[in-house]
Amino acid sequence: MQLQCPLCRAPLHRHAASGGAYCDNKHHFDKAPEGYLDLIPGKHSPKEGESRALMRARRHWLESGALAPLTEAIADQLPADGGELILLGCGEGYLCRALAGRRPDWTTIGIERAKNAVFAAAKAQPSAEFVLADPGKPPLLPGSAAALLLEATPKTRLNTLPPLLTPGGWLLLFSQGPRHHWQLRSHINPDAREHPAAWPCVPGLREAARSRCHFEVAMDQESRALMLATSPLAWRTNNAQRHDYQQHGGDHLEHDYLLTLWQAP
């Protein structure tokens, strides 16, 4: 992974002994004792992290295997040649760990802005590399990334990603499909409607593959509580709606993802 200085955009050099980084303009960045490289200058606000309750709920939900079908679909979509895969917005590192086990031919690297999330990721996977930085503005040298993986949302600026790729580099996106969390959505809003699949488009790249990953997860009161704690959709509900879903939200929940693989010229 070839990084650039977040202050002057000059190439960063790695210090082998300490694991830190520096540029020719004498900007230095340390590797935290927890094992990640800190590329956010200055002091960090606690608001930039996630609450402990949210972190625990998300870790419990992910480690239960609820998203194992998505992991398998991503692993199957990755090209066969292997290499270095950078996850933008890696969170607490679940996908990094899962893909490292499923596709050891790919070396996973995580970039995440939430300090306590990247701390948890580095602690859980000491052999991997993690960087504390804004995944929306990743500190990567243009034309240096062999492969990028991220979840595309309506706020993702897809046009900023192609310049980061090497010639022939790969971009793998996953985004929410029409039926994603349908039981939760329709429980909160009985008037909810299913919309057509919105496949992303990345100008300047060639679409190499697309697939849809649709599966159901068994739910009980405990798992519905975890979903209410982790889903942004549930955060917009009131207490009465949350209580009603936890008690009567149904015994399954649909997950629906659209996967697209793109290649640079």
C-alpha atoms as a PDB file:
ATOM      1  CA  MET A   1       0.000   0.000   0.000  1.00  0.00           C
ATOM      2  CA  GLN A   2       1.438   3.356  -1.055  1.00  0.00           C
ATOM      3  CA  LEU A   3       0.294   6.159   1.218  1.00  0.00           C
ATOM      4  CA  GLN A   4       0.481   9.919   0.889  1.00  0.00           C
ATOM      5  CA  CYS A   5       0.950  12.521   3.599  1.00  0.00           C
ATOM      6  CA  PRO A   6      -2.427  13.878   4.795  1.00  0.00           C
ATOM      7  CA  LEU A   7      -0.822  17.318   5.290  1.00  0.00           C
ATOM      8  CA  CYS A   8       1.102  17.919   2.047  1.00  0.00           C
ATOM      9  CA  ARG A   9       0.142  14.893  -0.128  1.00  0.00           C
ATOM     10  CA  ALA A  10       3.781  13.903  -0.633  1.00  0.00           C
ATOM     11  CA  PRO A  11       4.517  10.155  -0.710  1.00  0.00           C
ATOM     12  CA  LEU A  12       4.949   8.589   2.703  1.00  0.00           C
ATOM     13  CA  HIS A  13       7.914   6.394   3.532  1.00  0.00           C
ATOM     14  CA  ARG A  14       7.619   3.669   6.145  1.00  0.00           C
ATOM     15  CA  HIS A  15      10.057   3.437   9.037  1.00  0.00           C
ATOM     16  CA  ALA A  16      10.845  -0.250   9.315  1.00  0.00           C
ATOM     17  CA  ALA A  17      11.862  -0.209  12.975  1.00  0.00           C
ATOM     18  CA  SER A  18       8.907   1.711  14.422  1.00  0.00           C
ATOM     19  CA  GLY A  19       6.215   1.036  11.816  1.00  0.00           C
ATOM     20  CA  GLY A  20       5.569   4.771  11.541  1.00  0.00           C
ATOM     21  CA  ALA A  21       5.617   6.894   8.400  1.00  0.00           C
ATOM     22  CA  TYR A  22       7.181  10.154   7.229  1.00  0.00           C
ATOM     23  CA  CYS A  23       7.363  12.286   4.097  1.00  0.00           C
ATOM     24  CA  ASP A  24      10.186  14.305   2.552  1.00  0.00           C
ATOM     25  CA  ASN A  25       8.669  17.469   4.053  1.00  0.00           C
ATOM     26  CA  LYS A  26       9.416  16.082   7.530  1.00  0.00           C
ATOM     27  CA  HIS A  27       5.867  15.281   8.556  1.00  0.00           C
ATOM     28  CA  HIS A  28       5.937  12.259  10.850  1.00  0.00           C
ATOM     29  CA  PHE A  29       3.130   9.869  11.812  1.00  0.00           C
ATOM     30  CA  ASP A  30       3.415   7.262  14.525  1.00  0.00           C
ATOM     31  CA  LYS A  31       2.185   3.741  14.735  1.00  0.00           C
ATOM     32  CA  ALA A  32      -0.082   3.489  17.761  1.00  0.00           C
ATOM     33  CA  PRO A  33       0.804   1.002  20.506  1.00  0.00           C
ATOM     34  CA  GLU A  34      -2.352  -0.888  19.542  1.00  0.00           C
ATOM     35  CA  GLY A  35      -0.876  -1.609  16.104  1.00  0.00           C
ATOM     36  CA  TYR A  36      -2.506   0.813  13.639  1.00  0.00           C
ATOM     37  CA  LEU A  37      -0.928   3.724  11.759  1.00  0.00           C
ATOM     38  CA  ASP A  38      -2.455   7.059  12.786  1.00  0.00           C
ATOM     39  CA  LEU A  39      -2.815   9.393   9.781  1.00  0.00           C
ATOM     40  CA  ILE A  40      -5.262  11.856  11.335  1.00  0.00           C
ATOM     41  CA  PRO A  41      -3.189  14.828  12.528  1.00  0.00           C
ATOM     42  CA  GLY A  42      -3.926  16.440  15.868  1.00  0.00           C
ATOM     43  CA  LYS A  43      -6.004  15.293  18.794  1.00  0.00           C
ATOM     44  CA  HIS A  44      -8.993  13.048  18.233  1.00  0.00           C
ATOM     45  CA  SER A  45     -12.457  13.936  19.454  1.00  0.00           C
ATOM     46  CA  PRO A  46     -14.297  11.140  21.296  1.00  0.00           C
ATOM     47  CA  LYS A  47     -17.243  11.924  18.994  1.00  0.00           C
ATOM     48  CA  GLU A  48     -15.246  10.488  16.072  1.00  0.00           C
ATOM     49  CA  GLY A  49     -15.564   7.002  17.565  1.00  0.00           C
ATOM     50  CA  GLU A  50     -18.528   4.773  18.235  1.00  0.00           C
ATOM     51  CA  SER A  51     -20.191   4.074  21.563  1.00  0.00           C
ATOM     52  CA  ARG A  52     -19.112   0.967  23.445  1.00  0.00           C
ATOM     53  CA  ALA A  53     -22.669  -0.343  23.329  1.00  0.00           C
ATOM     54  CA  LEU A  54     -22.784  -0.031  19.539  1.00  0.00           C
ATOM     55  CA  MET A  55     -19.364  -1.637  19.185  1.00  0.00           C
ATOM     56  CA  ARG A  56     -20.363  -4.592  21.364  1.00  0.00           C
ATOM     57  CA  ALA A  57     -23.673  -5.066  19.560  1.00  0.00           C
ATOM     58  CA  ARG A  58     -22.071  -4.937  16.111  1.00  0.00           C
ATOM     59  CA  ARG A  59     -19.273  -7.331  17.105  1.00  0.00           C
ATOM     60  CA  HIS A  60     -21.790  -9.788  18.580  1.00  0.00           C
ATOM     61  CA  TRP A  61     -23.982  -9.582  15.469  1.00  0.00           C
ATOM     62  CA  LEU A  62     -21.107 -10.082  13.038  1.00  0.00           C
ATOM     63  CA  GLU A  63     -19.350 -12.816  14.984  1.00  0.00           C
ATOM     64  CA  SER A  64     -22.617 -14.757  15.159  1.00  0.00           C
ATOM     65  CA  GLY A  65     -22.175 -15.445  11.433  1.00  0.00           C
ATOM     66  CA  ALA A  66     -25.211 -13.422  10.383  1.00  0.00           C
ATOM     67  CA  LEU A  67     -23.368 -11.990   7.380  1.00  0.00           C
ATOM     68  CA  ALA A  68     -21.451 -15.126   6.414  1.00  0.00           C
ATOM     69  CA  PRO A  69     -23.320 -15.402   3.052  1.00  0.00           C
ATOM     70  CA  LEU A  70     -22.203 -11.867   2.168  1.00  0.00           C
ATOM     71  CA  THR A  71     -18.620 -12.732   3.039  1.00  0.00           C
ATOM     72  CA  GLU A  72     -18.792 -15.794   0.797  1.00  0.00           C
ATOM     73  CA  ALA A  73     -20.256 -13.746  -2.054  1.00  0.00           C
ATOM     74  CA  ILE A  74     -17.503 -11.118  -1.753  1.00  0.00           C
ATOM     75  CA  ALA A  75     -14.817 -13.816  -1.618  1.00  0.00           C
ATOM     76  CA  ASP A  76     -16.251 -15.476  -4.725  1.00  0.00           C
ATOM     77  CA  GLN A  77     -16.391 -12.135  -6.571  1.00  0.00           C
ATOM     78  CA  LEU A  78     -12.732 -11.293  -5.938  1.00  0.00           C
ATOM     79  CA  PRO A  79     -10.490 -11.976  -8.951  1.00  0.00           C
ATOM     80  CA  ALA A  80      -8.450 -15.155  -8.942  1.00  0.00           C
ATOM     81  CA  ASP A  81      -5.044 -13.536  -9.229  1.00  0.00           C
ATOM     82  CA  GLY A  82      -4.874 -12.324  -5.602  1.00  0.00           C
ATOM     83  CA  GLY A  83      -2.868  -9.372  -4.323  1.00  0.00           C
ATOM     84  CA  GLU A  84      -3.401  -6.488  -1.915  1.00  0.00           C
ATOM     85  CA  LEU A  85      -6.994  -5.595  -1.025  1.00  0.00           C
ATOM     86  CA  ILE A  86      -7.727  -2.313   0.754  1.00  0.00           C
ATOM     87  CA  LEU A  87     -11.034  -2.104   2.630  1.00  0.00           C
ATOM     88  CA  LEU A  88     -12.302   1.470   2.865  1.00  0.00           C
ATOM     89  CA  GLY A  89     -14.415   1.802   6.000  1.00  0.00           C
ATOM     90  CA  CYS A  90     -13.354  -1.499   7.548  1.00  0.00           C
ATOM     91  CA  GLY A  91     -15.075  -0.821  10.885  1.00  0.00           C
ATOM     92  CA  GLU A  92     -13.939  -3.222  13.584  1.00  0.00           C
ATOM     93  CA  GLY A  93     -12.322  -5.449  10.973  1.00  0.00           C
ATOM     94  CA  TYR A  94     -14.854  -8.255  10.534  1.00  0.00           C
ATOM     95  CA  LEU A  95     -14.531  -8.396   6.738  1.00  0.00           C
ATOM     96  CA  CYS A  96     -10.736  -8.169   6.947  1.00  0.00           C
ATOM     97  CA  ARG A  97     -10.639 -11.205   9.221  1.00  0.00           C
ATOM     98  CA  ALA A  98     -13.271 -13.156   7.316  1.00  0.00           C
ATOM     99  CA  LEU A  99     -11.688 -12.576   3.912  1.00  0.00           C
ATOM    100  CA  ALA A 100      -8.212 -13.359   5.236  1.00  0.00           C
ATOM    101  CA  GLY A 101      -9.516 -16.791   6.175  1.00  0.00           C
ATOM    102  CA  ARG A 102     -11.561 -17.323   3.031  1.00  0.00           C
ATOM    103  CA  ARG A 103      -9.131 -15.847   0.481  1.00  0.00           C
ATOM    104  CA  PRO A 104      -5.579 -15.983   1.878  1.00  0.00           C
ATOM    105  CA  ASP A 105      -4.276 -15.132  -1.603  1.00  0.00           C
ATOM    106  CA  TRP A 106      -5.456 -11.576  -0.903  1.00  0.00           C
ATOM    107  CA  THR A 107      -3.673  -9.489   1.742  1.00  0.00           C
ATOM    108  CA  THR A 108      -6.308  -7.370   3.483  1.00  0.00           C
ATOM    109  CA  ILE A 109      -5.639  -3.829   4.711  1.00  0.00           C
ATOM    110  CA  GLY A 110      -8.211  -1.736   6.555  1.00  0.00           C
ATOM    111  CA  ILE A 111      -8.789   2.029   6.593  1.00  0.00           C
ATOM    112  CA  GLU A 112     -11.224   3.391   9.174  1.00  0.00           C
ATOM    113  CA  ARG A 113     -11.914   6.791  10.807  1.00  0.00           C
ATOM    114  CA  ALA A 114     -13.497   5.617  14.094  1.00  0.00           C
ATOM    115  CA  LYS A 115     -10.557   5.274  16.461  1.00  0.00           C
ATOM    116  CA  ASN A 116     -12.087   2.684  18.760  1.00  0.00           C
ATOM    117  CA  ALA A 117     -13.177   0.600  15.745  1.00  0.00           C
ATOM    118  CA  VAL A 118      -9.720   0.498  14.162  1.00  0.00           C
ATOM    119  CA  PHE A 119      -8.289  -0.196  17.620  1.00  0.00           C
ATOM    120  CA  ALA A 120     -10.551  -3.250  17.895  1.00  0.00           C
ATOM    121  CA  ALA A 121      -9.654  -4.349  14.360  1.00  0.00           C
ATOM    122  CA  ALA A 122      -5.909  -4.167  15.001  1.00  0.00           C
ATOM    123  CA  LYS A 123      -6.250  -5.992  18.304  1.00  0.00           C
ATOM    124  CA  ALA A 124      -8.292  -8.806  16.758  1.00  0.00           C
ATOM    125  CA  GLN A 125      -5.960  -9.231  13.751  1.00  0.00           C
ATOM    126  CA  PRO A 126      -2.400  -8.252  14.709  1.00  0.00           C
ATOM    127  CA  SER A 127      -0.950  -9.680  11.484  1.00  0.00           C
ATOM    128  CA  ALA A 128      -2.959  -7.277   9.297  1.00  0.00           C
ATOM    129  CA  GLU A 129      -2.313  -3.601   8.611  1.00  0.00           C
ATOM    130  CA  PHE A 130      -4.804  -0.942   9.663  1.00  0.00           C
ATOM    131  CA  VAL A 131      -4.745   2.819   9.116  1.00  0.00           C
ATOM    132  CA  LEU A 132      -6.671   5.462  11.032  1.00  0.00           C
ATOM    133  CA  ALA A 133      -7.811   7.828   8.275  1.00  0.00           C
ATOM    134  CA  ASP A 134     -10.921   9.102   6.538  1.00  0.00           C
ATOM    135  CA  PRO A 135     -12.057   6.346   4.118  1.00  0.00           C
ATOM    136  CA  GLY A 136     -13.999   8.986   2.181  1.00  0.00           C
ATOM    137  CA  LYS A 137     -10.666  10.669   1.420  1.00  0.00           C
ATOM    138  CA  PRO A 138      -8.239   7.761   1.656  1.00  0.00           C
ATOM    139  CA  PRO A 139      -4.563   8.740   1.985  1.00  0.00           C
ATOM    140  CA  LEU A 140      -3.549   6.641  -1.020  1.00  0.00           C
ATOM    141  CA  LEU A 141      -1.224   7.764  -3.768  1.00  0.00           C
ATOM    142  CA  PRO A 142      -3.094   8.086  -7.080  1.00  0.00           C
ATOM    143  CA  GLY A 143      -2.696   5.035  -9.277  1.00  0.00           C
ATOM    144  CA  SER A 144      -1.351   2.851  -6.463  1.00  0.00           C
ATOM    145  CA  ALA A 145      -4.241   0.643  -5.272  1.00  0.00           C
ATOM    146  CA  ALA A 146      -4.405  -2.836  -6.817  1.00  0.00           C
ATOM    147  CA  ALA A 147      -7.877  -3.499  -5.383  1.00  0.00           C
ATOM    148  CA  LEU A 148     -10.417  -1.599  -3.293  1.00  0.00           C
ATOM    149  CA  LEU A 149     -13.459  -2.922  -1.435  1.00  0.00           C
ATOM    150  CA  LEU A 150     -16.172  -0.786   0.122  1.00  0.00           C
ATOM    151  CA  GLU A 151     -19.876  -0.542   0.778  1.00  0.00           C
ATOM    152  CA  ALA A 152     -21.383   2.017  -1.578  1.00  0.00           C
ATOM    153  CA  THR A 153     -24.031   4.319  -0.128  1.00  0.00           C
ATOM    154  CA  PRO A 154     -25.864   7.262  -1.700  1.00  0.00           C
ATOM    155  CA  LYS A 155     -23.199   9.514  -0.144  1.00  0.00           C
ATOM    156  CA  THR A 156     -20.240   7.608  -1.647  1.00  0.00           C
ATOM    157  CA  ARG A 157     -18.421   9.700  -4.229  1.00  0.00           C
ATOM    158  CA  LEU A 158     -17.737   6.938  -6.727  1.00  0.00           C
ATOM    159  CA  ASN A 159     -15.963   9.261  -9.159  1.00  0.00           C
ATOM    160  CA  THR A 160     -13.090   9.685  -6.660  1.00  0.00           C
ATOM    161  CA  LEU A 161     -12.221   5.976  -6.675  1.00  0.00           C
ATOM    162  CA  PRO A 162     -10.937   5.236 -10.223  1.00  0.00           C
ATOM    163  CA  PRO A 163      -7.931   7.601  -9.923  1.00  0.00           C
ATOM    164  CA  LEU A 164      -6.708   5.569  -6.945  1.00  0.00           C
ATOM    165  CA  LEU A 165      -6.439   2.312  -8.910  1.00  0.00           C
ATOM    166  CA  THR A 166      -3.422   0.932 -10.692  1.00  0.00           C
ATOM    167  CA  PRO A 167      -3.812   0.169 -14.419  1.00  0.00           C
ATOM    168  CA  GLY A 168      -5.943  -2.965 -14.488  1.00  0.00           C
ATOM    169  CA  GLY A 169      -6.813  -2.507 -10.810  1.00  0.00           C
ATOM    170  CA  TRP A 170     -10.066  -3.722  -9.275  1.00  0.00           C
ATOM    171  CA  LEU A 171     -12.938  -2.034  -7.453  1.00  0.00           C
ATOM    172  CA  LEU A 172     -15.465  -4.251  -5.669  1.00  0.00           C
ATOM    173  CA  LEU A 173     -18.608  -2.533  -4.400  1.00  0.00           C
ATOM    174  CA  PHE A 174     -21.469  -3.910  -2.357  1.00  0.00           C
ATOM    175  CA  SER A 175     -24.622  -1.921  -1.736  1.00  0.00           C
ATOM    176  CA  GLN A 176     -28.106  -2.484  -0.354  1.00  0.00           C
ATOM    177  CA  GLY A 177     -30.646  -4.212  -2.576  1.00  0.00           C
ATOM    178  CA  PRO A 178     -34.431  -3.645  -2.724  1.00  0.00           C
ATOM    179  CA  ARG A 179     -35.293  -6.204  -0.025  1.00  0.00           C
ATOM    180  CA  HIS A 180     -32.565  -5.271   2.460  1.00  0.00           C
ATOM    181  CA  HIS A 181     -33.926  -5.446   6.028  1.00  0.00           C
ATOM    182  CA  TRP A 182     -37.409  -5.537   4.562  1.00  0.00           C
ATOM    183  CA  GLN A 183     -39.110  -6.915   7.683  1.00  0.00           C
ATOM    184  CA  LEU A 184     -37.643  -4.128   9.811  1.00  0.00           C
ATOM    185  CA  ARG A 185     -38.443  -1.457   7.216  1.00  0.00           C
ATOM    186  CA  SER A 186     -42.037  -2.568   6.730  1.00  0.00           C
ATOM    187  CA  HIS A 187     -42.569  -2.997  10.471  1.00  0.00           C
ATOM    188  CA  ILE A 188     -41.482   0.587  11.100  1.00  0.00           C
ATOM    189  CA  ASN A 189     -43.270   1.966   8.028  1.00  0.00           C
ATOM    190  CA  PRO A 190     -46.250  -0.124   6.854  1.00  0.00           C
ATOM    191  CA  ASP A 191     -46.402   2.026   3.702  1.00  0.00           C
ATOM    192  CA  ALA A 192     -42.849   1.092   2.656  1.00  0.00           C
ATOM    193  CA  ARG A 193     -42.497   0.090  -0.996  1.00  0.00           C
ATOM    194  CA  GLU A 194     -39.943  -2.066  -2.729  1.00  0.00           C
ATOM    195  CA  HIS A 195     -37.946  -0.119  -5.313  1.00  0.00           C
ATOM    196  CA  PRO A 196     -36.072  -1.535  -8.321  1.00  0.00           C
ATOM    197  CA  ALA A 197     -32.478  -2.581  -7.807  1.00  0.00           C
ATOM    198  CA  ALA A 198     -30.183   0.446  -8.145  1.00  0.00           C
ATOM    199  CA  TRP A 199     -26.934  -0.932  -9.552  1.00  0.00           C
ATOM    200  CA  PRO A 200     -24.046   1.530  -9.154  1.00  0.00           C
ATOM    201  CA  CYS A 201     -22.209   2.989 -12.118  1.00  0.00           C
ATOM    202  CA  VAL A 202     -18.548   4.009 -11.956  1.00  0.00           C
ATOM    203  CA  PRO A 203     -17.485   6.232 -14.894  1.00  0.00           C
ATOM    204  CA  GLY A 204     -14.129   5.342 -16.354  1.00  0.00           C
ATOM    205  CA  LEU A 205     -14.157   1.700 -15.229  1.00  0.00           C
ATOM    206  CA  ARG A 206     -15.306  -1.463 -16.992  1.00  0.00           C
ATOM    207  CA  GLU A 207     -17.928  -3.533 -15.214  1.00  0.00           C
ATOM    208  CA  ALA A 208     -16.511  -7.049 -14.982  1.00  0.00           C
ATOM    209  CA  ALA A 209     -19.218  -8.832 -12.956  1.00  0.00           C
ATOM    210  CA  ARG A 210     -22.373  -8.312 -10.970  1.00  0.00           C
ATOM    211  CA  SER A 211     -24.327 -10.524  -8.613  1.00  0.00           C
ATOM    212  CA  ARG A 212     -27.066 -10.293  -6.035  1.00  0.00           C
ATOM    213  CA  CYS A 213     -26.628 -11.764  -2.561  1.00  0.00           C
ATOM    214  CA  HIS A 214     -30.035 -12.330  -0.964  1.00  0.00           C
ATOM    215  CA  PHE A 215     -30.502 -14.424   2.174  1.00  0.00           C
ATOM    216  CA  GLU A 216     -32.525 -14.650   5.371  1.00  0.00           C
ATOM    217  CA  VAL A 217     -31.321 -14.674   8.973  1.00  0.00           C
ATOM    218  CA  ALA A 218     -33.309 -16.308  11.762  1.00  0.00           C
ATOM    219  CA  MET A 219     -34.342 -13.791  14.414  1.00  0.00           C
ATOM    220  CA  ASP A 220     -35.391 -13.929  18.042  1.00  0.00           C
ATOM    221  CA  GLN A 221     -35.802 -11.214  20.651  1.00  0.00           C
ATOM    222  CA  GLU A 222     -32.063 -11.055  21.320  1.00  0.00           C
ATOM    223  CA  SER A 223     -31.089 -10.767  17.655  1.00  0.00           C
ATOM    224  CA  ARG A 224     -33.846  -8.226  17.018  1.00  0.00           C
ATOM    225  CA  ALA A 225     -32.394  -6.152  19.874  1.00  0.00           C
ATOM    226  CA  LEU A 226     -28.948  -6.364  18.247  1.00  0.00           C
ATOM    227  CA  MET A 227     -30.415  -5.257  14.930  1.00  0.00           C
ATOM    228  CA  LEU A 228     -32.114  -2.284  16.596  1.00  0.00           C
ATOM    229  CA  ALA A 229     -28.769  -1.336  18.140  1.00  0.00           C
ATOM    230  CA  THR A 230     -26.794  -1.509  14.895  1.00  0.00           C
ATOM    231  CA  SER A 231     -29.134  -0.548  12.046  1.00  0.00           C
ATOM    232  CA  PRO A 232     -29.206   3.154  11.043  1.00  0.00           C
ATOM    233  CA  LEU A 233     -32.802   2.558   9.994  1.00  0.00           C
ATOM    234  CA  ALA A 234     -33.741   1.617  13.549  1.00  0.00           C
ATOM    235  CA  TRP A 235     -32.046   4.692  14.999  1.00  0.00           C
ATOM    236  CA  ARG A 236     -34.795   6.824  13.461  1.00  0.00           C
ATOM    237  CA  THR A 237     -37.569   5.026  15.348  1.00  0.00           C
ATOM    238  CA  ASN A 238     -39.174   5.989  18.638  1.00  0.00           C
ATOM    239  CA  ASN A 239     -39.119   3.885  21.790  1.00  0.00           C
ATOM    240  CA  ALA A 240     -42.577   2.415  21.182  1.00  0.00           C
ATOM    241  CA  GLN A 241     -41.636   1.245  17.671  1.00  0.00           C
ATOM    242  CA  ARG A 242     -38.372  -0.246  18.911  1.00  0.00           C
ATOM    243  CA  HIS A 243     -40.118  -2.140  21.691  1.00  0.00           C
ATOM    244  CA  ASP A 244     -42.803  -3.409  19.334  1.00  0.00           C
ATOM    245  CA  TYR A 245     -40.243  -4.676  16.801  1.00  0.00           C
ATOM    246  CA  GLN A 246     -38.139  -6.373  19.451  1.00  0.00           C
ATOM    247  CA  GLN A 247     -41.182  -8.200  20.822  1.00  0.00           C
ATOM    248  CA  HIS A 248     -43.120  -8.913  17.622  1.00  0.00           C
ATOM    249  CA  GLY A 249     -40.759  -8.239  14.696  1.00  0.00           C
ATOM    250  CA  GLY A 250     -40.921 -11.671  13.109  1.00  0.00           C
ATOM    251  CA  ASP A 251     -38.726 -14.758  13.084  1.00  0.00           C
ATOM    252  CA  HIS A 252     -36.542 -13.852  10.090  1.00  0.00           C
ATOM    253  CA  LEU A 253     -34.902 -10.838   8.465  1.00  0.00           C
ATOM    254  CA  GLU A 254     -33.957 -10.512   4.812  1.00  0.00           C
ATOM    255  CA  HIS A 255     -30.540  -9.276   3.768  1.00  0.00           C
ATOM    256  CA  ASP A 256     -30.151  -8.086   0.200  1.00  0.00           C
ATOM    257  CA  TYR A 257     -26.889  -6.882  -1.349  1.00  0.00           C
ATOM    258  CA  LEU A 258     -25.849  -5.913  -4.864  1.00  0.00           C
ATOM    259  CA  LEU A 259     -22.218  -6.722  -5.713  1.00  0.00           C
ATOM    260  CA  THR A 260     -20.407  -5.192  -8.673  1.00  0.00           C
ATOM    261  CA  LEU A 261     -16.797  -5.726  -9.738  1.00  0.00           C
ATOM    262  CA  TRP A 262     -15.092  -3.049 -11.830  1.00  0.00           C
ATOM    263  CA  GLN A 263     -11.703  -2.932 -13.538  1.00  0.00           C
ATOM    264  CA  ALA A 264      -9.571   0.041 -14.487  1.00  0.00           C
ATOM    265  CA  PRO A 265      -8.263   0.266 -18.086  1.00  0.00           C
END
